[in-house]
Amino acid sequence: ANNNMIIRADELWVFGPISNGVLFEIQLAMQLGKAVRFFSVGPR
């Protein structure tokens, strides 16, 4: 279901350190030619 949402999304925005699952999502988005953007994250 997550992968299908990535397929339908216009872009992938990545927040915080990359886990194995997020790495796969980045690779999928890049394979699909989607823009991938990165952001820091914290409690505020």
PDB file of all heavy atoms in Angstrom:
ATOM      1  N   ALA A   1       0.837  -1.209   0.000  1.00  0.00           N
ATOM      2  CA  ALA A   1       0.000   0.000   0.000  1.00  0.00           C
ATOM      3  C   ALA A   1       0.870   1.256   0.000  1.00  0.00           C
ATOM      4  O   ALA A   1       0.604   2.200  -0.760  1.00  0.00           O
ATOM      5  CB  ALA A   1      -0.934  -0.022   1.209  1.00  0.00           C
ATOM      6  N   ASN A   2       1.916   1.275   0.833  1.00  0.00           N
ATOM      7  CA  ASN A   2       2.834   2.416   0.840  1.00  0.00           C
ATOM      8  C   ASN A   2       3.455   2.619  -0.538  1.00  0.00           C
ATOM      9  O   ASN A   2       3.521   3.746  -1.036  1.00  0.00           O
ATOM     10  CB  ASN A   2       3.959   2.210   1.864  1.00  0.00           C
ATOM     11  CG  ASN A   2       3.530   2.535   3.274  1.00  0.00           C
ATOM     12  OD1 ASN A   2       2.496   3.149   3.508  1.00  0.00           O
ATOM     13  ND2 ASN A   2       4.338   2.129   4.224  1.00  0.00           N
ATOM     14  N   ASN A   3       3.922   1.548  -1.143  1.00  0.00           N
ATOM     15  CA  ASN A   3       4.563   1.651  -2.456  1.00  0.00           C
ATOM     16  C   ASN A   3       3.586   2.166  -3.505  1.00  0.00           C
ATOM     17  O   ASN A   3       3.959   2.950  -4.380  1.00  0.00           O
ATOM     18  CB  ASN A   3       5.163   0.315  -2.868  1.00  0.00           C
ATOM     19  CG  ASN A   3       6.305  -0.086  -1.955  1.00  0.00           C
ATOM     20  OD1 ASN A   3       6.907   0.737  -1.279  1.00  0.00           O
ATOM     21  ND2 ASN A   3       6.598  -1.374  -1.926  1.00  0.00           N
ATOM     22  N   ASN A   4       2.333   1.774  -3.414  1.00  0.00           N
ATOM     23  CA  ASN A   4       1.321   2.281  -4.338  1.00  0.00           C
ATOM     24  C   ASN A   4       1.077   3.772  -4.125  1.00  0.00           C
ATOM     25  O   ASN A   4       0.818   4.504  -5.076  1.00  0.00           O
ATOM     26  CB  ASN A   4       0.021   1.483  -4.203  1.00  0.00           C
ATOM     27  CG  ASN A   4      -0.019   0.318  -5.145  1.00  0.00           C
ATOM     28  OD1 ASN A   4      -0.515   0.433  -6.253  1.00  0.00           O
ATOM     29  ND2 ASN A   4       0.559  -0.810  -4.727  1.00  0.00           N
ATOM     30  N   MET A   5       1.156   4.218  -2.881  1.00  0.00           N
ATOM     31  CA  MET A   5       1.002   5.656  -2.624  1.00  0.00           C
ATOM     32  C   MET A   5       2.186   6.432  -3.183  1.00  0.00           C
ATOM     33  O   MET A   5       2.016   7.537  -3.694  1.00  0.00           O
ATOM     34  CB  MET A   5       0.808   5.910  -1.132  1.00  0.00           C
ATOM     35  CG  MET A   5      -0.553   5.424  -0.647  1.00  0.00           C
ATOM     36  SD  MET A   5      -0.939   5.905   1.043  1.00  0.00           S
ATOM     37  CE  MET A   5       0.222   4.924   1.959  1.00  0.00           C
ATOM     38  N   ILE A   6       3.384   5.855  -3.118  1.00  0.00           N
ATOM     39  CA  ILE A   6       4.555   6.510  -3.712  1.00  0.00           C
ATOM     40  C   ILE A   6       4.367   6.612  -5.225  1.00  0.00           C
ATOM     41  O   ILE A   6       4.655   7.650  -5.824  1.00  0.00           O
ATOM     42  CB  ILE A   6       5.848   5.745  -3.362  1.00  0.00           C
ATOM     43  CG1 ILE A   6       6.133   5.865  -1.859  1.00  0.00           C
ATOM     44  CG2 ILE A   6       7.029   6.259  -4.180  1.00  0.00           C
ATOM     45  CD1 ILE A   6       7.207   4.927  -1.343  1.00  0.00           C
ATOM     46  N   ILE A   7       3.872   5.554  -5.836  1.00  0.00           N
ATOM     47  CA  ILE A   7       3.617   5.568  -7.280  1.00  0.00           C
ATOM     48  C   ILE A   7       2.661   6.689  -7.650  1.00  0.00           C
ATOM     49  O   ILE A   7       2.841   7.379  -8.659  1.00  0.00           O
ATOM     50  CB  ILE A   7       3.068   4.196  -7.737  1.00  0.00           C
ATOM     51  CG1 ILE A   7       4.165   3.126  -7.628  1.00  0.00           C
ATOM     52  CG2 ILE A   7       2.503   4.261  -9.146  1.00  0.00           C
ATOM     53  CD1 ILE A   7       3.662   1.693  -7.735  1.00  0.00           C
ATOM     54  N   ARG A   8       1.662   6.931  -6.846  1.00  0.00           N
ATOM     55  CA  ARG A   8       0.647   7.943  -7.142  1.00  0.00           C
ATOM     56  C   ARG A   8       1.052   9.359  -6.742  1.00  0.00           C
ATOM     57  O   ARG A   8       0.495  10.332  -7.249  1.00  0.00           O
ATOM     58  CB  ARG A   8      -0.661   7.562  -6.463  1.00  0.00           C
ATOM     59  CG  ARG A   8      -1.342   6.392  -7.160  1.00  0.00           C
ATOM     60  CD  ARG A   8      -2.460   5.788  -6.328  1.00  0.00           C
ATOM     61  NE  ARG A   8      -3.194   4.777  -7.047  1.00  0.00           N
ATOM     62  CZ  ARG A   8      -2.746   3.541  -7.294  1.00  0.00           C
ATOM     63  NH1 ARG A   8      -1.561   3.174  -6.892  1.00  0.00           N
ATOM     64  NH2 ARG A   8      -3.491   2.664  -7.946  1.00  0.00           N
ATOM     65  N   ALA A   9       2.010   9.479  -5.826  1.00  0.00           N
ATOM     66  CA  ALA A   9       2.442  10.795  -5.355  1.00  0.00           C
ATOM     67  C   ALA A   9       3.245  11.511  -6.433  1.00  0.00           C
ATOM     68  O   ALA A   9       3.832  10.888  -7.320  1.00  0.00           O
ATOM     69  CB  ALA A   9       3.283  10.645  -4.089  1.00  0.00           C
ATOM     70  N   ASP A  10       3.273  12.835  -6.332  1.00  0.00           N
ATOM     71  CA  ASP A  10       4.067  13.636  -7.255  1.00  0.00           C
ATOM     72  C   ASP A  10       5.539  13.669  -6.857  1.00  0.00           C
ATOM     73  O   ASP A  10       6.411  13.743  -7.712  1.00  0.00           O
ATOM     74  CB  ASP A  10       3.523  15.071  -7.311  1.00  0.00           C
ATOM     75  CG  ASP A  10       2.098  15.105  -7.835  1.00  0.00           C
ATOM     76  OD1 ASP A  10       1.855  14.539  -8.919  1.00  0.00           O
ATOM     77  OD2 ASP A  10       1.228  15.691  -7.156  1.00  0.00           O
ATOM     78  N   GLU A  11       5.802  13.664  -5.553  1.00  0.00           N
ATOM     79  CA  GLU A  11       7.168  13.750  -5.046  1.00  0.00           C
ATOM     80  C   GLU A  11       7.296  12.902  -3.791  1.00  0.00           C
ATOM     81  O   GLU A  11       6.300  12.552  -3.154  1.00  0.00           O
ATOM     82  CB  GLU A  11       7.530  15.195  -4.672  1.00  0.00           C
ATOM     83  CG  GLU A  11       7.510  16.162  -5.818  1.00  0.00           C
ATOM     84  CD  GLU A  11       7.918  17.574  -5.409  1.00  0.00           C
ATOM     85  OE1 GLU A  11       8.345  17.783  -4.241  1.00  0.00           O
ATOM     86  OE2 GLU A  11       7.797  18.474  -6.249  1.00  0.00           O
ATOM     87  N   LEU A  12       8.545  12.638  -3.408  1.00  0.00           N
ATOM     88  CA  LEU A  12       8.855  11.972  -2.150  1.00  0.00           C
ATOM     89  C   LEU A  12       9.644  12.957  -1.303  1.00  0.00           C
ATOM     90  O   LEU A  12      10.653  13.489  -1.761  1.00  0.00           O
ATOM     91  CB  LEU A  12       9.698  10.710  -2.398  1.00  0.00           C
ATOM     92  CG  LEU A  12      10.044   9.923  -1.137  1.00  0.00           C
ATOM     93  CD1 LEU A  12       8.873   9.034  -0.727  1.00  0.00           C
ATOM     94  CD2 LEU A  12      11.281   9.071  -1.359  1.00  0.00           C
ATOM     95  N   TRP A  13       9.157  13.220  -0.094  1.00  0.00           N
ATOM     96  CA  TRP A  13       9.856  14.075   0.848  1.00  0.00           C
ATOM     97  C   TRP A  13      10.356  13.195   1.981  1.00  0.00           C
ATOM     98  O   TRP A  13       9.556  12.504   2.634  1.00  0.00           O
ATOM     99  CB  TRP A  13       8.942  15.169   1.390  1.00  0.00           C
ATOM    100  CG  TRP A  13       8.587  16.237   0.386  1.00  0.00           C
ATOM    101  CD1 TRP A  13       8.856  16.251  -0.954  1.00  0.00           C
ATOM    102  CD2 TRP A  13       7.889  17.450   0.658  1.00  0.00           C
ATOM    103  NE1 TRP A  13       8.368  17.391  -1.527  1.00  0.00           N
ATOM    104  CE2 TRP A  13       7.766  18.152  -0.567  1.00  0.00           C
ATOM    105  CE3 TRP A  13       7.346  18.006   1.805  1.00  0.00           C
ATOM    106  CZ2 TRP A  13       7.140  19.387  -0.656  1.00  0.00           C
ATOM    107  CZ3 TRP A  13       6.714  19.226   1.719  1.00  0.00           C
ATOM    108  CH2 TRP A  13       6.611  19.924   0.495  1.00  0.00           C
ATOM    109  N   VAL A  14      11.649  13.221   2.228  1.00  0.00           N
ATOM    110  CA  VAL A  14      12.288  12.371   3.226  1.00  0.00           C
ATOM    111  C   VAL A  14      12.632  13.211   4.447  1.00  0.00           C
ATOM    112  O   VAL A  14      13.278  14.255   4.327  1.00  0.00           O
ATOM    113  CB  VAL A  14      13.570  11.729   2.645  1.00  0.00           C
ATOM    114  CG1 VAL A  14      14.259  10.867   3.684  1.00  0.00           C
ATOM    115  CG2 VAL A  14      13.237  10.939   1.385  1.00  0.00           C
ATOM    116  N   PHE A  15      12.238  12.725   5.614  1.00  0.00           N
ATOM    117  CA  PHE A  15      12.459  13.451   6.864  1.00  0.00           C
ATOM    118  C   PHE A  15      13.357  12.644   7.788  1.00  0.00           C
ATOM    119  O   PHE A  15      13.080  11.476   8.078  1.00  0.00           O
ATOM    120  CB  PHE A  15      11.123  13.737   7.553  1.00  0.00           C
ATOM    121  CG  PHE A  15      10.266  14.693   6.786  1.00  0.00           C
ATOM    122  CD1 PHE A  15       9.445  14.241   5.761  1.00  0.00           C
ATOM    123  CD2 PHE A  15      10.303  16.050   7.049  1.00  0.00           C
ATOM    124  CE1 PHE A  15       8.663  15.118   5.022  1.00  0.00           C
ATOM    125  CE2 PHE A  15       9.529  16.941   6.318  1.00  0.00           C
ATOM    126  CZ  PHE A  15       8.706  16.475   5.301  1.00  0.00           C
ATOM    127  N   GLY A  16      14.425  13.288   8.256  1.00  0.00           N
ATOM    128  CA  GLY A  16      15.306  12.668   9.233  1.00  0.00           C
ATOM    129  C   GLY A  16      16.212  11.594   8.651  1.00  0.00           C
ATOM    130  O   GLY A  16      16.277  11.400   7.433  1.00  0.00           O
ATOM    131  N   PRO A  17      16.918  10.885   9.540  1.00  0.00           N
ATOM    132  CA  PRO A  17      17.834   9.831   9.098  1.00  0.00           C
ATOM    133  C   PRO A  17      17.109   8.732   8.315  1.00  0.00           C
ATOM    134  O   PRO A  17      15.961   8.394   8.604  1.00  0.00           O
ATOM    135  CB  PRO A  17      18.402   9.281  10.404  1.00  0.00           C
ATOM    136  CG  PRO A  17      18.246  10.397  11.382  1.00  0.00           C
ATOM    137  CD  PRO A  17      16.981  11.098  10.982  1.00  0.00           C
ATOM    138  N   ILE A  18      17.794   8.195   7.331  1.00  0.00           N
ATOM    139  CA  ILE A  18      17.212   7.211   6.418  1.00  0.00           C
ATOM    140  C   ILE A  18      17.360   5.800   6.978  1.00  0.00           C
ATOM    141  O   ILE A  18      18.464   5.362   7.284  1.00  0.00           O
ATOM    142  CB  ILE A  18      17.879   7.328   5.038  1.00  0.00           C
ATOM    143  CG1 ILE A  18      17.580   8.712   4.456  1.00  0.00           C
ATOM    144  CG2 ILE A  18      17.420   6.217   4.107  1.00  0.00           C
ATOM    145  CD1 ILE A  18      18.355   9.034   3.200  1.00  0.00           C
ATOM    146  N   SER A  19      16.234   5.115   7.101  1.00  0.00           N
ATOM    147  CA  SER A  19      16.199   3.711   7.533  1.00  0.00           C
ATOM    148  C   SER A  19      16.210   2.826   6.293  1.00  0.00           C
ATOM    149  O   SER A  19      16.129   3.316   5.164  1.00  0.00           O
ATOM    150  CB  SER A  19      14.933   3.441   8.346  1.00  0.00           C
ATOM    151  OG  SER A  19      13.792   3.587   7.515  1.00  0.00           O
ATOM    152  N   ASN A  20      16.276   1.514   6.500  1.00  0.00           N
ATOM    153  CA  ASN A  20      16.227   0.584   5.362  1.00  0.00           C
ATOM    154  C   ASN A  20      14.938   0.751   4.555  1.00  0.00           C
ATOM    155  O   ASN A  20      14.958   0.752   3.329  1.00  0.00           O
ATOM    156  CB  ASN A  20      16.358  -0.862   5.844  1.00  0.00           C
ATOM    157  CG  ASN A  20      17.786  -1.200   6.202  1.00  0.00           C
ATOM    158  OD1 ASN A  20      18.705  -0.902   5.462  1.00  0.00           O
ATOM    159  ND2 ASN A  20      17.981  -1.823   7.348  1.00  0.00           N
ATOM    160  N   GLY A  21      13.801   0.870   5.251  1.00  0.00           N
ATOM    161  CA  GLY A  21      12.524   1.033   4.554  1.00  0.00           C
ATOM    162  C   GLY A  21      12.459   2.325   3.764  1.00  0.00           C
ATOM    163  O   GLY A  21      11.980   2.354   2.626  1.00  0.00           O
ATOM    164  N   VAL A  22      12.956   3.409   4.347  1.00  0.00           N
ATOM    165  CA  VAL A  22      12.970   4.699   3.655  1.00  0.00           C
ATOM    166  C   VAL A  22      13.930   4.646   2.466  1.00  0.00           C
ATOM    167  O   VAL A  22      13.637   5.205   1.410  1.00  0.00           O
ATOM    168  CB  VAL A  22      13.325   5.848   4.629  1.00  0.00           C
ATOM    169  CG1 VAL A  22      13.541   7.163   3.889  1.00  0.00           C
ATOM    170  CG2 VAL A  22      12.231   6.005   5.688  1.00  0.00           C
ATOM    171  N   LEU A  23      15.044   3.957   2.622  1.00  0.00           N
ATOM    172  CA  LEU A  23      15.980   3.797   1.509  1.00  0.00           C
ATOM    173  C   LEU A  23      15.291   3.130   0.318  1.00  0.00           C
ATOM    174  O   LEU A  23      15.423   3.569  -0.821  1.00  0.00           O
ATOM    175  CB  LEU A  23      17.196   2.984   1.949  1.00  0.00           C
ATOM    176  CG  LEU A  23      18.262   2.736   0.885  1.00  0.00           C
ATOM    177  CD1 LEU A  23      18.846   4.041   0.364  1.00  0.00           C
ATOM    178  CD2 LEU A  23      19.353   1.837   1.442  1.00  0.00           C
ATOM    179  N   PHE A  24      14.507   2.090   0.589  1.00  0.00           N
ATOM    180  CA  PHE A  24      13.762   1.431  -0.486  1.00  0.00           C
ATOM    181  C   PHE A  24      12.787   2.409  -1.139  1.00  0.00           C
ATOM    182  O   PHE A  24      12.646   2.452  -2.364  1.00  0.00           O
ATOM    183  CB  PHE A  24      13.009   0.201   0.037  1.00  0.00           C
ATOM    184  CG  PHE A  24      12.196  -0.472  -1.032  1.00  0.00           C
ATOM    185  CD1 PHE A  24      12.779  -1.391  -1.882  1.00  0.00           C
ATOM    186  CD2 PHE A  24      10.851  -0.151  -1.213  1.00  0.00           C
ATOM    187  CE1 PHE A  24      12.049  -1.998  -2.893  1.00  0.00           C
ATOM    188  CE2 PHE A  24      10.105  -0.748  -2.218  1.00  0.00           C
ATOM    189  CZ  PHE A  24      10.707  -1.681  -3.058  1.00  0.00           C
ATOM    190  N   GLU A  25      12.096   3.222  -0.319  1.00  0.00           N
ATOM    191  CA  GLU A  25      11.134   4.191  -0.852  1.00  0.00           C
ATOM    192  C   GLU A  25      11.823   5.228  -1.735  1.00  0.00           C
ATOM    193  O   GLU A  25      11.296   5.615  -2.782  1.00  0.00           O
ATOM    194  CB  GLU A  25      10.374   4.854   0.297  1.00  0.00           C
ATOM    195  CG  GLU A  25       9.471   3.881   1.028  1.00  0.00           C
ATOM    196  CD  GLU A  25       8.950   4.381   2.363  1.00  0.00           C
ATOM    197  OE1 GLU A  25       9.471   5.376   2.910  1.00  0.00           O
ATOM    198  OE2 GLU A  25       8.005   3.750   2.876  1.00  0.00           O
ATOM    199  N   ILE A  26      13.012   5.664  -1.334  1.00  0.00           N
ATOM    200  CA  ILE A  26      13.785   6.613  -2.141  1.00  0.00           C
ATOM    201  C   ILE A  26      14.152   5.974  -3.477  1.00  0.00           C
ATOM    202  O   ILE A  26      13.998   6.581  -4.536  1.00  0.00           O
ATOM    203  CB  ILE A  26      15.051   7.066  -1.388  1.00  0.00           C
ATOM    204  CG1 ILE A  26      14.684   7.900  -0.156  1.00  0.00           C
ATOM    205  CG2 ILE A  26      15.971   7.866  -2.317  1.00  0.00           C
ATOM    206  CD1 ILE A  26      15.843   8.125   0.800  1.00  0.00           C
ATOM    207  N   GLN A  27      14.640   4.744  -3.405  1.00  0.00           N
ATOM    208  CA  GLN A  27      15.039   4.050  -4.632  1.00  0.00           C
ATOM    209  C   GLN A  27      13.847   3.876  -5.579  1.00  0.00           C
ATOM    210  O   GLN A  27      13.973   4.070  -6.790  1.00  0.00           O
ATOM    211  CB  GLN A  27      15.676   2.702  -4.290  1.00  0.00           C
ATOM    212  CG  GLN A  27      17.019   2.863  -3.608  1.00  0.00           C
ATOM    213  CD  GLN A  27      17.538   1.574  -2.988  1.00  0.00           C
ATOM    214  OE1 GLN A  27      16.770   0.698  -2.585  1.00  0.00           O
ATOM    215  NE2 GLN A  27      18.854   1.458  -2.892  1.00  0.00           N
ATOM    216  N   LEU A  28      12.683   3.543  -5.026  1.00  0.00           N
ATOM    217  CA  LEU A  28      11.485   3.395  -5.847  1.00  0.00           C
ATOM    218  C   LEU A  28      11.112   4.722  -6.499  1.00  0.00           C
ATOM    219  O   LEU A  28      10.844   4.793  -7.698  1.00  0.00           O
ATOM    220  CB  LEU A  28      10.317   2.858  -5.010  1.00  0.00           C
ATOM    221  CG  LEU A  28       8.962   2.763  -5.711  1.00  0.00           C
ATOM    222  CD1 LEU A  28       9.030   1.824  -6.919  1.00  0.00           C
ATOM    223  CD2 LEU A  28       7.880   2.301  -4.731  1.00  0.00           C
ATOM    224  N   ALA A  29      11.093   5.790  -5.709  1.00  0.00           N
ATOM    225  CA  ALA A  29      10.739   7.108  -6.249  1.00  0.00           C
ATOM    226  C   ALA A  29      11.710   7.536  -7.340  1.00  0.00           C
ATOM    227  O   ALA A  29      11.300   8.056  -8.381  1.00  0.00           O
ATOM    228  CB  ALA A  29      10.696   8.141  -5.127  1.00  0.00           C
ATOM    229  N   MET A  30      12.990   7.304  -7.122  1.00  0.00           N
ATOM    230  CA  MET A  30      13.990   7.678  -8.118  1.00  0.00           C
ATOM    231  C   MET A  30      13.820   6.844  -9.393  1.00  0.00           C
ATOM    232  O   MET A  30      13.946   7.369 -10.502  1.00  0.00           O
ATOM    233  CB  MET A  30      15.394   7.537  -7.546  1.00  0.00           C
ATOM    234  CG  MET A  30      15.679   8.566  -6.461  1.00  0.00           C
ATOM    235  SD  MET A  30      17.277   8.335  -5.679  1.00  0.00           S
ATOM    236  CE  MET A  30      18.331   9.103  -6.904  1.00  0.00           C
ATOM    237  N   GLN A  31      13.522   5.577  -9.222  1.00  0.00           N
ATOM    238  CA  GLN A  31      13.286   4.690 -10.362  1.00  0.00           C
ATOM    239  C   GLN A  31      12.107   5.192 -11.194  1.00  0.00           C
ATOM    240  O   GLN A  31      12.096   5.070 -12.421  1.00  0.00           O
ATOM    241  CB  GLN A  31      13.013   3.287  -9.817  1.00  0.00           C
ATOM    242  CG  GLN A  31      13.036   2.179 -10.799  1.00  0.00           C
ATOM    243  CD  GLN A  31      12.868   0.837 -10.080  1.00  0.00           C
ATOM    244  OE1 GLN A  31      12.283   0.743  -8.999  1.00  0.00           O
ATOM    245  NE2 GLN A  31      13.383  -0.204 -10.693  1.00  0.00           N
ATOM    246  N   LEU A  32      11.119   5.769 -10.515  1.00  0.00           N
ATOM    247  CA  LEU A  32       9.928   6.292 -11.181  1.00  0.00           C
ATOM    248  C   LEU A  32      10.131   7.714 -11.718  1.00  0.00           C
ATOM    249  O   LEU A  32       9.210   8.292 -12.298  1.00  0.00           O
ATOM    250  CB  LEU A  32       8.742   6.272 -10.209  1.00  0.00           C
ATOM    251  CG  LEU A  32       8.293   4.894  -9.743  1.00  0.00           C
ATOM    252  CD1 LEU A  32       7.322   5.006  -8.570  1.00  0.00           C
ATOM    253  CD2 LEU A  32       7.667   4.122 -10.902  1.00  0.00           C
ATOM    254  N   GLY A  33      11.310   8.283 -11.473  1.00  0.00           N
ATOM    255  CA  GLY A  33      11.607   9.625 -11.956  1.00  0.00           C
ATOM    256  C   GLY A  33      10.978  10.730 -11.130  1.00  0.00           C
ATOM    257  O   GLY A  33      10.792  11.847 -11.622  1.00  0.00           O
ATOM    258  N   LYS A  34      10.643  10.453  -9.894  1.00  0.00           N
ATOM    259  CA  LYS A  34      10.008  11.452  -9.030  1.00  0.00           C
ATOM    260  C   LYS A  34      11.067  12.293  -8.321  1.00  0.00           C
ATOM    261  O   LYS A  34      12.163  11.812  -8.018  1.00  0.00           O
ATOM    262  CB  LYS A  34       9.127  10.770  -8.002  1.00  0.00           C
ATOM    263  CG  LYS A  34       8.035   9.949  -8.688  1.00  0.00           C
ATOM    264  CD  LYS A  34       6.917   9.626  -7.774  1.00  0.00           C
ATOM    265  CE  LYS A  34       5.910   8.739  -8.473  1.00  0.00           C
ATOM    266  NZ  LYS A  34       4.895   9.466  -9.191  1.00  0.00           N
ATOM    267  N   ALA A  35      10.741  13.532  -8.046  1.00  0.00           N
ATOM    268  CA  ALA A  35      11.625  14.388  -7.268  1.00  0.00           C
ATOM    269  C   ALA A  35      11.693  13.848  -5.847  1.00  0.00           C
ATOM    270  O   ALA A  35      10.679  13.422  -5.284  1.00  0.00           O
ATOM    271  CB  ALA A  35      11.104  15.822  -7.260  1.00  0.00           C
ATOM    272  N   VAL A  36      12.896  13.857  -5.279  1.00  0.00           N
ATOM    273  CA  VAL A  36      13.111  13.426  -3.895  1.00  0.00           C
ATOM    274  C   VAL A  36      13.760  14.594  -3.167  1.00  0.00           C
ATOM    275  O   VAL A  36      14.768  15.122  -3.619  1.00  0.00           O
ATOM    276  CB  VAL A  36      14.021  12.174  -3.815  1.00  0.00           C
ATOM    277  CG1 VAL A  36      14.242  11.770  -2.364  1.00  0.00           C
ATOM    278  CG2 VAL A  36      13.421  11.016  -4.607  1.00  0.00           C
ATOM    279  N   ARG A  37      13.162  14.994  -2.070  1.00  0.00           N
ATOM    280  CA  ARG A  37      13.657  16.128  -1.287  1.00  0.00           C
ATOM    281  C   ARG A  37      13.924  15.657   0.138  1.00  0.00           C
ATOM    282  O   ARG A  37      13.239  14.761   0.622  1.00  0.00           O
ATOM    283  CB  ARG A  37      12.641  17.259  -1.312  1.00  0.00           C
ATOM    284  CG  ARG A  37      12.270  17.654  -2.741  1.00  0.00           C
ATOM    285  CD  ARG A  37      11.388  18.866  -2.788  1.00  0.00           C
ATOM    286  NE  ARG A  37      10.820  19.094  -4.085  1.00  0.00           N
ATOM    287  CZ  ARG A  37      11.479  19.510  -5.165  1.00  0.00           C
ATOM    288  NH1 ARG A  37      12.760  19.733  -5.104  1.00  0.00           N
ATOM    289  NH2 ARG A  37      10.858  19.701  -6.317  1.00  0.00           N
ATOM    290  N   PHE A  38      14.897  16.276   0.781  1.00  0.00           N
ATOM    291  CA  PHE A  38      15.324  15.843   2.106  1.00  0.00           C
ATOM    292  C   PHE A  38      15.164  16.971   3.119  1.00  0.00           C
ATOM    293  O   PHE A  38      15.431  18.134   2.801  1.00  0.00           O
ATOM    294  CB  PHE A  38      16.786  15.393   2.059  1.00  0.00           C
ATOM    295  CG  PHE A  38      16.995  14.222   1.145  1.00  0.00           C
ATOM    296  CD1 PHE A  38      17.335  14.418  -0.184  1.00  0.00           C
ATOM    297  CD2 PHE A  38      16.816  12.935   1.607  1.00  0.00           C
ATOM    298  CE1 PHE A  38      17.504  13.340  -1.047  1.00  0.00           C
ATOM    299  CE2 PHE A  38      16.990  11.851   0.765  1.00  0.00           C
ATOM    300  CZ  PHE A  38      17.334  12.057  -0.571  1.00  0.00           C
ATOM    301  N   PHE A  39      14.760  16.590   4.335  1.00  0.00           N
ATOM    302  CA  PHE A  39      14.529  17.553   5.404  1.00  0.00           C
ATOM    303  C   PHE A  39      15.064  17.011   6.731  1.00  0.00           C
ATOM    304  O   PHE A  39      15.022  15.805   6.978  1.00  0.00           O
ATOM    305  CB  PHE A  39      13.021  17.823   5.574  1.00  0.00           C
ATOM    306  CG  PHE A  39      12.368  18.365   4.344  1.00  0.00           C
ATOM    307  CD1 PHE A  39      11.828  17.513   3.386  1.00  0.00           C
ATOM    308  CD2 PHE A  39      12.299  19.731   4.125  1.00  0.00           C
ATOM    309  CE1 PHE A  39      11.231  18.009   2.234  1.00  0.00           C
ATOM    310  CE2 PHE A  39      11.699  20.233   2.970  1.00  0.00           C
ATOM    311  CZ  PHE A  39      11.168  19.371   2.026  1.00  0.00           C
ATOM    312  N   SER A  40      15.498  17.928   7.577  1.00  0.00           N
ATOM    313  CA  SER A  40      15.833  17.557   8.951  1.00  0.00           C
ATOM    314  C   SER A  40      14.515  17.401   9.696  1.00  0.00           C
ATOM    315  O   SER A  40      13.450  17.754   9.189  1.00  0.00           O
ATOM    316  CB  SER A  40      16.688  18.650   9.606  1.00  0.00           C
ATOM    317  OG  SER A  40      15.963  19.871   9.652  1.00  0.00           O
ATOM    318  N   VAL A  41      14.583  16.897  10.909  1.00  0.00           N
ATOM    319  CA  VAL A  41      13.374  16.745  11.718  1.00  0.00           C
ATOM    320  C   VAL A  41      13.756  16.805  13.185  1.00  0.00           C
ATOM    321  O   VAL A  41      14.911  16.563  13.547  1.00  0.00           O
ATOM    322  CB  VAL A  41      12.628  15.427  11.375  1.00  0.00           C
ATOM    323  CG1 VAL A  41      13.358  14.223  11.917  1.00  0.00           C
ATOM    324  CG2 VAL A  41      11.191  15.464  11.837  1.00  0.00           C
ATOM    325  N   GLY A  42      12.809  17.144  14.004  1.00  0.00           N
ATOM    326  CA  GLY A  42      13.016  17.201  15.448  1.00  0.00           C
ATOM    327  C   GLY A  42      11.679  17.313  16.139  1.00  0.00           C
ATOM    328  O   GLY A  42      10.635  17.214  15.500  1.00  0.00           O
ATOM    329  N   PRO A  43      11.697  17.557  17.445  1.00  0.00           N
ATOM    330  CA  PRO A  43      10.442  17.594  18.193  1.00  0.00           C
ATOM    331  C   PRO A  43       9.611  18.869  17.995  1.00  0.00           C
ATOM    332  O   PRO A  43       8.474  18.932  18.435  1.00  0.00           O
ATOM    333  CB  PRO A  43      10.886  17.465  19.649  1.00  0.00           C
ATOM    334  CG  PRO A  43      12.286  17.971  19.665  1.00  0.00           C
ATOM    335  CD  PRO A  43      12.865  17.639  18.315  1.00  0.00           C
ATOM    336  N   ARG A  44      10.179  19.876  17.315  1.00  0.00           N
ATOM    337  CA  ARG A  44       9.452  21.126  17.084  1.00  0.00           C
ATOM    338  C   ARG A  44       9.344  21.397  15.590  1.00  0.00           C
ATOM    339  O   ARG A  44      10.208  20.991  14.808  1.00  0.00           O
ATOM    340  CB  ARG A  44      10.175  22.304  17.743  1.00  0.00           C
ATOM    341  CG  ARG A  44      10.356  22.177  19.230  1.00  0.00           C
ATOM    342  CD  ARG A  44      11.273  23.248  19.807  1.00  0.00           C
ATOM    343  NE  ARG A  44      12.537  23.243  19.063  1.00  0.00           N
ATOM    344  CZ  ARG A  44      13.198  24.345  18.696  1.00  0.00           C
ATOM    345  NH1 ARG A  44      12.745  25.525  19.016  1.00  0.00           N
ATOM    346  NH2 ARG A  44      14.331  24.266  18.023  1.00  0.00           N
TER     347      ARG A  44
END
